[in-house]
mmCIF file of all heavy atoms, coordinates in Angstrom:
data_MODEL
# 
_entry.id   MODEL 
# 
loop_
_atom_site.group_PDB 
_atom_site.id 
_atom_site.type_symbol 
_atom_site.label_atom_id 
_atom_site.label_alt_id 
_atom_site.label_comp_id 
_atom_site.label_asym_id 
_atom_site.label_entity_id 
_atom_site.label_seq_id 
_atom_site.pdbx_PDB_ins_code 
_atom_site.Cartn_x 
_atom_site.Cartn_y 
_atom_site.Cartn_z 
_atom_site.occupancy 
_atom_site.B_iso_or_equiv 
_atom_site.pdbx_formal_charge 
_atom_site.auth_seq_id 
_atom_site.auth_comp_id 
_atom_site.auth_asym_id 
_atom_site.auth_atom_id 
_atom_site.pdbx_PDB_model_num 
ATOM 1   N N   . GLU A 1 1  ? 4.213  13.774  17.802  1.00 0.00 ? 1  GLU A N   1 
ATOM 2   C CA  . GLU A 1 1  ? 3.375  13.159  16.776  1.00 0.00 ? 1  GLU A CA  1 
ATOM 3   C C   . GLU A 1 1  ? 3.521  11.649  16.802  1.00 0.00 ? 1  GLU A C   1 
ATOM 4   O O   . GLU A 1 1  ? 4.630  11.113  16.719  1.00 0.00 ? 1  GLU A O   1 
ATOM 5   C CB  . GLU A 1 1  ? 3.758  13.687  15.395  1.00 0.00 ? 1  GLU A CB  1 
ATOM 6   C CG  . GLU A 1 1  ? 2.952  13.059  14.266  1.00 0.00 ? 1  GLU A CG  1 
ATOM 7   C CD  . GLU A 1 1  ? 3.459  13.433  12.887  1.00 0.00 ? 1  GLU A CD  1 
ATOM 8   O OE1 . GLU A 1 1  ? 4.695  13.392  12.687  1.00 0.00 ? 1  GLU A OE1 1 
ATOM 9   O OE2 . GLU A 1 1  ? 2.636  13.753  12.020  1.00 0.00 ? 1  GLU A OE2 1 
ATOM 10  N N   . PHE A 1 2  ? 2.400  10.953  16.920  1.00 0.00 ? 2  PHE A N   1 
ATOM 11  C CA  . PHE A 1 2  ? 2.353  9.505   16.805  1.00 0.00 ? 2  PHE A CA  1 
ATOM 12  C C   . PHE A 1 2  ? 1.730  9.163   15.454  1.00 0.00 ? 2  PHE A C   1 
ATOM 13  O O   . PHE A 1 2  ? 0.733  9.761   15.051  1.00 0.00 ? 2  PHE A O   1 
ATOM 14  C CB  . PHE A 1 2  ? 1.529  8.898   17.938  1.00 0.00 ? 2  PHE A CB  1 
ATOM 15  C CG  . PHE A 1 2  ? 1.212  7.444   17.739  1.00 0.00 ? 2  PHE A CG  1 
ATOM 16  C CD1 . PHE A 1 2  ? 2.152  6.466   18.036  1.00 0.00 ? 2  PHE A CD1 1 
ATOM 17  C CD2 . PHE A 1 2  ? -0.016 7.048   17.239  1.00 0.00 ? 2  PHE A CD2 1 
ATOM 18  C CE1 . PHE A 1 2  ? 1.873  5.121   17.842  1.00 0.00 ? 2  PHE A CE1 1 
ATOM 19  C CE2 . PHE A 1 2  ? -0.312 5.711   17.037  1.00 0.00 ? 2  PHE A CE2 1 
ATOM 20  C CZ  . PHE A 1 2  ? 0.638  4.744   17.345  1.00 0.00 ? 2  PHE A CZ  1 
ATOM 21  N N   . TYR A 1 3  ? 2.317  8.196   14.730  1.00 0.00 ? 3  TYR A N   1 
ATOM 22  C CA  . TYR A 1 3  ? 1.776  7.840   13.425  1.00 0.00 ? 3  TYR A CA  1 
ATOM 23  C C   . TYR A 1 3  ? 1.819  6.333   13.230  1.00 0.00 ? 3  TYR A C   1 
ATOM 24  O O   . TYR A 1 3  ? 2.664  5.620   13.776  1.00 0.00 ? 3  TYR A O   1 
ATOM 25  C CB  . TYR A 1 3  ? 2.537  8.542   12.297  1.00 0.00 ? 3  TYR A CB  1 
ATOM 26  C CG  . TYR A 1 3  ? 4.014  8.199   12.220  1.00 0.00 ? 3  TYR A CG  1 
ATOM 27  C CD1 . TYR A 1 3  ? 4.464  7.130   11.451  1.00 0.00 ? 3  TYR A CD1 1 
ATOM 28  C CD2 . TYR A 1 3  ? 4.956  8.942   12.923  1.00 0.00 ? 3  TYR A CD2 1 
ATOM 29  C CE1 . TYR A 1 3  ? 5.811  6.818   11.383  1.00 0.00 ? 3  TYR A CE1 1 
ATOM 30  C CE2 . TYR A 1 3  ? 6.303  8.637   12.861  1.00 0.00 ? 3  TYR A CE2 1 
ATOM 31  C CZ  . TYR A 1 3  ? 6.725  7.572   12.083  1.00 0.00 ? 3  TYR A CZ  1 
ATOM 32  O OH  . TYR A 1 3  ? 8.059  7.258   12.030  1.00 0.00 ? 3  TYR A OH  1 
ATOM 33  N N   . ILE A 1 4  ? 0.890  5.841   12.421  1.00 0.00 ? 4  ILE A N   1 
ATOM 34  C CA  . ILE A 1 4  ? 0.835  4.442   12.040  1.00 0.00 ? 4  ILE A CA  1 
ATOM 35  C C   . ILE A 1 4  ? 0.381  4.386   10.583  1.00 0.00 ? 4  ILE A C   1 
ATOM 36  O O   . ILE A 1 4  ? -0.518 5.131   10.176  1.00 0.00 ? 4  ILE A O   1 
ATOM 37  C CB  . ILE A 1 4  ? -0.096 3.626   12.970  1.00 0.00 ? 4  ILE A CB  1 
ATOM 38  C CG1 . ILE A 1 4  ? -0.056 2.152   12.601  1.00 0.00 ? 4  ILE A CG1 1 
ATOM 39  C CG2 . ILE A 1 4  ? -1.518 4.179   12.955  1.00 0.00 ? 4  ILE A CG2 1 
ATOM 40  C CD1 . ILE A 1 4  ? -0.746 1.259   13.625  1.00 0.00 ? 4  ILE A CD1 1 
ATOM 41  N N   . ARG A 1 5  ? 1.028  3.524   9.796   1.00 0.00 ? 5  ARG A N   1 
ATOM 42  C CA  . ARG A 1 5  ? 0.788  3.490   8.354   1.00 0.00 ? 5  ARG A CA  1 
ATOM 43  C C   . ARG A 1 5  ? 0.814  2.038   7.883   1.00 0.00 ? 5  ARG A C   1 
ATOM 44  O O   . ARG A 1 5  ? 1.648  1.247   8.337   1.00 0.00 ? 5  ARG A O   1 
ATOM 45  C CB  . ARG A 1 5  ? 1.865  4.295   7.629   1.00 0.00 ? 5  ARG A CB  1 
ATOM 46  C CG  . ARG A 1 5  ? 1.823  4.263   6.111   1.00 0.00 ? 5  ARG A CG  1 
ATOM 47  C CD  . ARG A 1 5  ? 3.056  4.975   5.575   1.00 0.00 ? 5  ARG A CD  1 
ATOM 48  N NE  . ARG A 1 5  ? 3.171  4.903   4.134   1.00 0.00 ? 5  ARG A NE  1 
ATOM 49  C CZ  . ARG A 1 5  ? 2.871  5.892   3.312   1.00 0.00 ? 5  ARG A CZ  1 
ATOM 50  N NH1 . ARG A 1 5  ? 2.432  7.048   3.791   1.00 0.00 ? 5  ARG A NH1 1 
ATOM 51  N NH2 . ARG A 1 5  ? 3.012  5.770   2.005   1.00 0.00 ? 5  ARG A NH2 1 
ATOM 52  N N   . ALA A 1 6  ? -0.114 1.677   6.994   1.00 0.00 ? 6  ALA A N   1 
ATOM 53  C CA  . ALA A 1 6  ? -0.177 0.324   6.456   1.00 0.00 ? 6  ALA A CA  1 
ATOM 54  C C   . ALA A 1 6  ? -0.472 0.390   4.964   1.00 0.00 ? 6  ALA A C   1 
ATOM 55  O O   . ALA A 1 6  ? -1.286 1.209   4.519   1.00 0.00 ? 6  ALA A O   1 
ATOM 56  C CB  . ALA A 1 6  ? -1.243 -0.501  7.173   1.00 0.00 ? 6  ALA A CB  1 
ATOM 57  N N   . VAL A 1 7  ? 0.196  -0.467  4.204   1.00 0.00 ? 7  VAL A N   1 
ATOM 58  C CA  . VAL A 1 7  ? 0.038  -0.518  2.750   1.00 0.00 ? 7  VAL A CA  1 
ATOM 59  C C   . VAL A 1 7  ? -0.096 -1.970  2.331   1.00 0.00 ? 7  VAL A C   1 
ATOM 60  O O   . VAL A 1 7  ? 0.618  -2.846  2.837   1.00 0.00 ? 7  VAL A O   1 
ATOM 61  C CB  . VAL A 1 7  ? 1.234  0.127   2.023   1.00 0.00 ? 7  VAL A CB  1 
ATOM 62  C CG1 . VAL A 1 7  ? 1.048  0.061   0.511   1.00 0.00 ? 7  VAL A CG1 1 
ATOM 63  C CG2 . VAL A 1 7  ? 1.426  1.561   2.465   1.00 0.00 ? 7  VAL A CG2 1 
ATOM 64  N N   . ALA A 1 8  ? -1.016 -2.249  1.396   1.00 0.00 ? 8  ALA A N   1 
ATOM 65  C CA  . ALA A 1 8  ? -1.194 -3.597  0.856   1.00 0.00 ? 8  ALA A CA  1 
ATOM 66  C C   . ALA A 1 8  ? -1.467 -3.491  -0.638  1.00 0.00 ? 8  ALA A C   1 
ATOM 67  O O   . ALA A 1 8  ? -1.951 -2.463  -1.123  1.00 0.00 ? 8  ALA A O   1 
ATOM 68  C CB  . ALA A 1 8  ? -2.329 -4.322  1.570   1.00 0.00 ? 8  ALA A CB  1 
ATOM 69  N N   . GLY A 1 9  ? -1.152 -4.564  -1.372  1.00 0.00 ? 9  GLY A N   1 
ATOM 70  C CA  . GLY A 1 9  ? -1.403 -4.535  -2.803  1.00 0.00 ? 9  GLY A CA  1 
ATOM 71  C C   . GLY A 1 9  ? -0.858 -5.752  -3.506  1.00 0.00 ? 9  GLY A C   1 
ATOM 72  O O   . GLY A 1 9  ? -0.468 -6.744  -2.876  1.00 0.00 ? 9  GLY A O   1 
ATOM 73  N N   . ILE A 1 10 ? -0.808 -5.666  -4.824  1.00 0.00 ? 10 ILE A N   1 
ATOM 74  C CA  . ILE A 1 10 ? -0.262 -6.712  -5.672  1.00 0.00 ? 10 ILE A CA  1 
ATOM 75  C C   . ILE A 1 10 ? 1.119  -6.278  -6.130  1.00 0.00 ? 10 ILE A C   1 
ATOM 76  O O   . ILE A 1 10 ? 1.290  -5.156  -6.617  1.00 0.00 ? 10 ILE A O   1 
ATOM 77  C CB  . ILE A 1 10 ? -1.166 -6.961  -6.896  1.00 0.00 ? 10 ILE A CB  1 
ATOM 78  C CG1 . ILE A 1 10 ? -2.558 -7.426  -6.440  1.00 0.00 ? 10 ILE A CG1 1 
ATOM 79  C CG2 . ILE A 1 10 ? -0.544 -7.981  -7.838  1.00 0.00 ? 10 ILE A CG2 1 
ATOM 80  C CD1 . ILE A 1 10 ? -3.523 -7.625  -7.598  1.00 0.00 ? 10 ILE A CD1 1 
ATOM 81  N N   . PRO A 1 11 ? 2.154  -7.109  -5.989  1.00 0.00 ? 11 PRO A N   1 
ATOM 82  C CA  . PRO A 1 11 ? 3.501  -6.702  -6.403  1.00 0.00 ? 11 PRO A CA  1 
ATOM 83  C C   . PRO A 1 11 ? 3.557  -6.362  -7.880  1.00 0.00 ? 11 PRO A C   1 
ATOM 84  O O   . PRO A 1 11 ? 2.829  -6.942  -8.696  1.00 0.00 ? 11 PRO A O   1 
ATOM 85  C CB  . PRO A 1 11 ? 4.362  -7.938  -6.081  1.00 0.00 ? 11 PRO A CB  1 
ATOM 86  C CG  . PRO A 1 11 ? 3.566  -8.715  -5.089  1.00 0.00 ? 11 PRO A CG  1 
ATOM 87  C CD  . PRO A 1 11 ? 2.132  -8.459  -5.414  1.00 0.00 ? 11 PRO A CD  1 
ATOM 88  N N   . PRO A 1 12 ? 4.420  -5.403  -8.271  1.00 0.00 ? 12 PRO A N   1 
ATOM 89  C CA  . PRO A 1 12 ? 4.561  -5.056  -9.679  1.00 0.00 ? 12 PRO A CA  1 
ATOM 90  C C   . PRO A 1 12 ? 5.232  -6.179  -10.463 1.00 0.00 ? 12 PRO A C   1 
ATOM 91  O O   . PRO A 1 12 ? 5.844  -7.081  -9.903  1.00 0.00 ? 12 PRO A O   1 
ATOM 92  C CB  . PRO A 1 12 ? 5.439  -3.796  -9.636  1.00 0.00 ? 12 PRO A CB  1 
ATOM 93  C CG  . PRO A 1 12 ? 6.189  -3.903  -8.357  1.00 0.00 ? 12 PRO A CG  1 
ATOM 94  C CD  . PRO A 1 12 ? 5.284  -4.594  -7.397  1.00 0.00 ? 12 PRO A CD  1 
ATOM 95  N N   . GLY A 1 13 ? 5.140  -6.096  -11.784 1.00 0.00 ? 13 GLY A N   1 
ATOM 96  C CA  . GLY A 1 13 ? 5.755  -7.082  -12.662 1.00 0.00 ? 13 GLY A CA  1 
ATOM 97  C C   . GLY A 1 13 ? 4.769  -7.737  -13.607 1.00 0.00 ? 13 GLY A C   1 
ATOM 98  O O   . GLY A 1 13 ? 5.154  -8.219  -14.675 1.00 0.00 ? 13 GLY A O   1 
ATOM 99  N N   . LYS A 1 14 ? 3.488  -7.766  -13.227 1.00 0.00 ? 14 LYS A N   1 
ATOM 100 C CA  . LYS A 1 14 ? 2.454  -8.337  -14.090 1.00 0.00 ? 14 LYS A CA  1 
ATOM 101 C C   . LYS A 1 14 ? 1.730  -7.204  -14.834 1.00 0.00 ? 14 LYS A C   1 
ATOM 102 O O   . LYS A 1 14 ? 2.101  -6.041  -14.761 1.00 0.00 ? 14 LYS A O   1 
ATOM 103 C CB  . LYS A 1 14 ? 1.472  -9.159  -13.263 1.00 0.00 ? 14 LYS A CB  1 
ATOM 104 C CG  . LYS A 1 14 ? 2.133  -10.261 -12.422 1.00 0.00 ? 14 LYS A CG  1 
ATOM 105 C CD  . LYS A 1 14 ? 2.766  -11.314 -13.292 1.00 0.00 ? 14 LYS A CD  1 
ATOM 106 C CE  . LYS A 1 14 ? 3.345  -12.435 -12.452 1.00 0.00 ? 14 LYS A CE  1 
ATOM 107 N NZ  . LYS A 1 14 ? 3.976  -13.506 -13.263 1.00 0.00 ? 14 LYS A NZ  1 
ATOM 108 N N   . LYS A 1 15 ? 0.662  -7.590  -15.547 1.00 0.00 ? 15 LYS A N   1 
ATOM 109 C CA  . LYS A 1 15 ? -0.084 -6.590  -16.308 1.00 0.00 ? 15 LYS A CA  1 
ATOM 110 C C   . LYS A 1 15 ? -0.801 -5.607  -15.382 1.00 0.00 ? 15 LYS A C   1 
ATOM 111 O O   . LYS A 1 15 ? -0.924 -4.425  -15.706 1.00 0.00 ? 15 LYS A O   1 
ATOM 112 C CB  . LYS A 1 15 ? -1.112 -7.276  -17.218 1.00 0.00 ? 15 LYS A CB  1 
ATOM 113 C CG  . LYS A 1 15 ? -0.501 -8.095  -18.343 1.00 0.00 ? 15 LYS A CG  1 
ATOM 114 C CD  . LYS A 1 15 ? -1.566 -8.568  -19.316 1.00 0.00 ? 15 LYS A CD  1 
ATOM 115 C CE  . LYS A 1 15 ? -2.181 -7.386  -20.051 1.00 0.00 ? 15 LYS A CE  1 
ATOM 116 N NZ  . LYS A 1 15 ? -3.111 -7.837  -21.125 1.00 0.00 ? 15 LYS A NZ  1 
ATOM 117 N N   . TYR A 1 16 ? -1.265 -6.102  -14.238 1.00 0.00 ? 16 TYR A N   1 
ATOM 118 C CA  . TYR A 1 16 ? -2.016 -5.249  -13.310 1.00 0.00 ? 16 TYR A CA  1 
ATOM 119 C C   . TYR A 1 16 ? -1.274 -5.156  -11.991 1.00 0.00 ? 16 TYR A C   1 
ATOM 120 O O   . TYR A 1 16 ? -0.818 -6.168  -11.439 1.00 0.00 ? 16 TYR A O   1 
ATOM 121 C CB  . TYR A 1 16 ? -3.417 -5.813  -13.089 1.00 0.00 ? 16 TYR A CB  1 
ATOM 122 C CG  . TYR A 1 16 ? -4.232 -5.049  -12.064 1.00 0.00 ? 16 TYR A CG  1 
ATOM 123 C CD1 . TYR A 1 16 ? -4.519 -3.693  -12.235 1.00 0.00 ? 16 TYR A CD1 1 
ATOM 124 C CD2 . TYR A 1 16 ? -4.703 -5.680  -10.914 1.00 0.00 ? 16 TYR A CD2 1 
ATOM 125 C CE1 . TYR A 1 16 ? -5.260 -2.996  -11.298 1.00 0.00 ? 16 TYR A CE1 1 
ATOM 126 C CE2 . TYR A 1 16 ? -5.449 -4.990  -9.968  1.00 0.00 ? 16 TYR A CE2 1 
ATOM 127 C CZ  . TYR A 1 16 ? -5.724 -3.646  -10.172 1.00 0.00 ? 16 TYR A CZ  1 
ATOM 128 O OH  . TYR A 1 16 ? -6.444 -2.953  -9.232  1.00 0.00 ? 16 TYR A OH  1 
ATOM 129 N N   . PHE A 1 17 ? -1.147 -3.939  -11.483 1.00 0.00 ? 17 PHE A N   1 
ATOM 130 C CA  . PHE A 1 17 ? -0.467 -3.684  -10.221 1.00 0.00 ? 17 PHE A CA  1 
ATOM 131 C C   . PHE A 1 17 ? -1.250 -2.622  -9.464  1.00 0.00 ? 17 PHE A C   1 
ATOM 132 O O   . PHE A 1 17 ? -1.704 -1.640  -10.054 1.00 0.00 ? 17 PHE A O   1 
ATOM 133 C CB  . PHE A 1 17 ? 0.972  -3.219  -10.490 1.00 0.00 ? 17 PHE A CB  1 
ATOM 134 C CG  . PHE A 1 17 ? 1.598  -2.488  -9.334  1.00 0.00 ? 17 PHE A CG  1 
ATOM 135 C CD1 . PHE A 1 17 ? 1.761  -3.107  -8.100  1.00 0.00 ? 17 PHE A CD1 1 
ATOM 136 C CD2 . PHE A 1 17 ? 2.021  -1.175  -9.467  1.00 0.00 ? 17 PHE A CD2 1 
ATOM 137 C CE1 . PHE A 1 17 ? 2.328  -2.429  -7.036  1.00 0.00 ? 17 PHE A CE1 1 
ATOM 138 C CE2 . PHE A 1 17 ? 2.596  -0.484  -8.416  1.00 0.00 ? 17 PHE A CE2 1 
ATOM 139 C CZ  . PHE A 1 17 ? 2.750  -1.122  -7.192  1.00 0.00 ? 17 PHE A CZ  1 
ATOM 140 N N   . PHE A 1 18 ? -1.430 -2.839  -8.171  1.00 0.00 ? 18 PHE A N   1 
ATOM 141 C CA  . PHE A 1 18 ? -2.104 -1.822  -7.377  1.00 0.00 ? 18 PHE A CA  1 
ATOM 142 C C   . PHE A 1 18 ? -1.594 -1.880  -5.944  1.00 0.00 ? 18 PHE A C   1 
ATOM 143 O O   . PHE A 1 18 ? -1.060 -2.884  -5.486  1.00 0.00 ? 18 PHE A O   1 
ATOM 144 C CB  . PHE A 1 18 ? -3.628 -2.010  -7.403  1.00 0.00 ? 18 PHE A CB  1 
ATOM 145 C CG  . PHE A 1 18 ? -4.155 -2.860  -6.278  1.00 0.00 ? 18 PHE A CG  1 
ATOM 146 C CD1 . PHE A 1 18 ? -4.660 -2.277  -5.112  1.00 0.00 ? 18 PHE A CD1 1 
ATOM 147 C CD2 . PHE A 1 18 ? -4.135 -4.247  -6.365  1.00 0.00 ? 18 PHE A CD2 1 
ATOM 148 C CE1 . PHE A 1 18 ? -5.124 -3.058  -4.074  1.00 0.00 ? 18 PHE A CE1 1 
ATOM 149 C CE2 . PHE A 1 18 ? -4.608 -5.036  -5.330  1.00 0.00 ? 18 PHE A CE2 1 
ATOM 150 C CZ  . PHE A 1 18 ? -5.110 -4.439  -4.184  1.00 0.00 ? 18 PHE A CZ  1 
ATOM 151 N N   . TYR A 1 19 ? -1.743 -0.753  -5.241  1.00 0.00 ? 19 TYR A N   1 
ATOM 152 C CA  . TYR A 1 19 ? -1.552 -0.737  -3.799  1.00 0.00 ? 19 TYR A CA  1 
ATOM 153 C C   . TYR A 1 19 ? -2.537 0.254   -3.203  1.00 0.00 ? 19 TYR A C   1 
ATOM 154 O O   . TYR A 1 19 ? -2.976 1.208   -3.856  1.00 0.00 ? 19 TYR A O   1 
ATOM 155 C CB  . TYR A 1 19 ? -0.115 -0.385  -3.398  1.00 0.00 ? 19 TYR A CB  1 
ATOM 156 C CG  . TYR A 1 19 ? 0.333  1.017   -3.730  1.00 0.00 ? 19 TYR A CG  1 
ATOM 157 C CD1 . TYR A 1 19 ? -0.001 2.103   -2.918  1.00 0.00 ? 19 TYR A CD1 1 
ATOM 158 C CD2 . TYR A 1 19 ? 1.121  1.269   -4.852  1.00 0.00 ? 19 TYR A CD2 1 
ATOM 159 C CE1 . TYR A 1 19 ? 0.418  3.372   -3.207  1.00 0.00 ? 19 TYR A CE1 1 
ATOM 160 C CE2 . TYR A 1 19 ? 1.543  2.546   -5.157  1.00 0.00 ? 19 TYR A CE2 1 
ATOM 161 C CZ  . TYR A 1 19 ? 1.198  3.595   -4.333  1.00 0.00 ? 19 TYR A CZ  1 
ATOM 162 O OH  . TYR A 1 19 ? 1.603  4.869   -4.631  1.00 0.00 ? 19 TYR A OH  1 
ATOM 163 N N   . THR A 1 20 ? -2.899 0.007   -1.957  1.00 0.00 ? 20 THR A N   1 
ATOM 164 C CA  . THR A 1 20 ? -3.790 0.901   -1.230  1.00 0.00 ? 20 THR A CA  1 
ATOM 165 C C   . THR A 1 20 ? -3.323 0.947   0.217   1.00 0.00 ? 20 THR A C   1 
ATOM 166 O O   . THR A 1 20 ? -2.733 -0.013  0.716   1.00 0.00 ? 20 THR A O   1 
ATOM 167 C CB  . THR A 1 20 ? -5.251 0.426   -1.322  1.00 0.00 ? 20 THR A CB  1 
ATOM 168 O OG1 . THR A 1 20 ? -6.107 1.349   -0.639  1.00 0.00 ? 20 THR A OG1 1 
ATOM 169 C CG2 . THR A 1 20 ? -5.420 -0.949  -0.692  1.00 0.00 ? 20 THR A CG2 1 
ATOM 170 N N   . GLY A 1 21 ? -3.562 2.056   0.867   1.00 0.00 ? 21 GLY A N   1 
ATOM 171 C CA  . GLY A 1 21 ? -3.068 2.187   2.221   1.00 0.00 ? 21 GLY A CA  1 
ATOM 172 C C   . GLY A 1 21 ? -3.765 3.273   2.999   1.00 0.00 ? 21 GLY A C   1 
ATOM 173 O O   . GLY A 1 21 ? -4.594 4.030   2.471   1.00 0.00 ? 21 GLY A O   1 
ATOM 174 N N   . THR A 1 22 ? -3.416 3.343   4.269   1.00 0.00 ? 22 THR A N   1 
ATOM 175 C CA  . THR A 1 22 ? -3.974 4.359   5.156   1.00 0.00 ? 22 THR A CA  1 
ATOM 176 C C   . THR A 1 22 ? -2.918 4.770   6.166   1.00 0.00 ? 22 THR A C   1 
ATOM 177 O O   . THR A 1 22 ? -1.977 4.009   6.447   1.00 0.00 ? 22 THR A O   1 
ATOM 178 C CB  . THR A 1 22 ? -5.222 3.821   5.883   1.00 0.00 ? 22 THR A CB  1 
ATOM 179 O OG1 . THR A 1 22 ? -5.784 4.862   6.695   1.00 0.00 ? 22 THR A OG1 1 
ATOM 180 C CG2 . THR A 1 22 ? -4.860 2.658   6.785   1.00 0.00 ? 22 THR A CG2 1 
ATOM 181 N N   . GLN A 1 23 ? -3.049 5.972   6.667   1.00 0.00 ? 23 GLN A N   1 
ATOM 182 C CA  . GLN A 1 23 ? -2.132 6.488   7.688   1.00 0.00 ? 23 GLN A CA  1 
ATOM 183 C C   . GLN A 1 23 ? -2.917 7.329   8.680   1.00 0.00 ? 23 GLN A C   1 
ATOM 184 O O   . GLN A 1 23 ? -3.774 8.128   8.298   1.00 0.00 ? 23 GLN A O   1 
ATOM 185 C CB  . GLN A 1 23 ? -1.029 7.324   7.048   1.00 0.00 ? 23 GLN A CB  1 
ATOM 186 C CG  . GLN A 1 23 ? -0.054 7.933   8.063   1.00 0.00 ? 23 GLN A CG  1 
ATOM 187 C CD  . GLN A 1 23 ? 1.139  8.589   7.402   1.00 0.00 ? 23 GLN A CD  1 
ATOM 188 O OE1 . GLN A 1 23 ? 1.697  8.051   6.457   1.00 0.00 ? 23 GLN A OE1 1 
ATOM 189 N NE2 . GLN A 1 23 ? 1.529  9.749   7.891   1.00 0.00 ? 23 GLN A NE2 1 
ATOM 190 N N   . HIS A 1 24 ? -2.597 7.133   9.959   1.00 0.00 ? 24 HIS A N   1 
ATOM 191 C CA  . HIS A 1 24 ? -3.214 7.925   11.028  1.00 0.00 ? 24 HIS A CA  1 
ATOM 192 C C   . HIS A 1 24 ? -2.132 8.709   11.754  1.00 0.00 ? 24 HIS A C   1 
ATOM 193 O O   . HIS A 1 24 ? -1.093 8.162   12.117  1.00 0.00 ? 24 HIS A O   1 
ATOM 194 C CB  . HIS A 1 24 ? -3.947 7.022   12.018  1.00 0.00 ? 24 HIS A CB  1 
ATOM 195 C CG  . HIS A 1 24 ? -4.548 7.773   13.178  1.00 0.00 ? 24 HIS A CG  1 
ATOM 196 N ND1 . HIS A 1 24 ? -5.548 8.706   13.017  1.00 0.00 ? 24 HIS A ND1 1 
ATOM 197 C CD2 . HIS A 1 24 ? -4.271 7.733   14.508  1.00 0.00 ? 24 HIS A CD2 1 
ATOM 198 C CE1 . HIS A 1 24 ? -5.874 9.206   14.196  1.00 0.00 ? 24 HIS A CE1 1 
ATOM 199 N NE2 . HIS A 1 24 ? -5.107 8.639   15.120  1.00 0.00 ? 24 HIS A NE2 1 
# 
């Protein structure tokens, strides 16, 4: 199995926090 994964977002600590990502 070969895999690759990436995640991006806004760091936690403020009023709004999010992350989104993908994996193959």
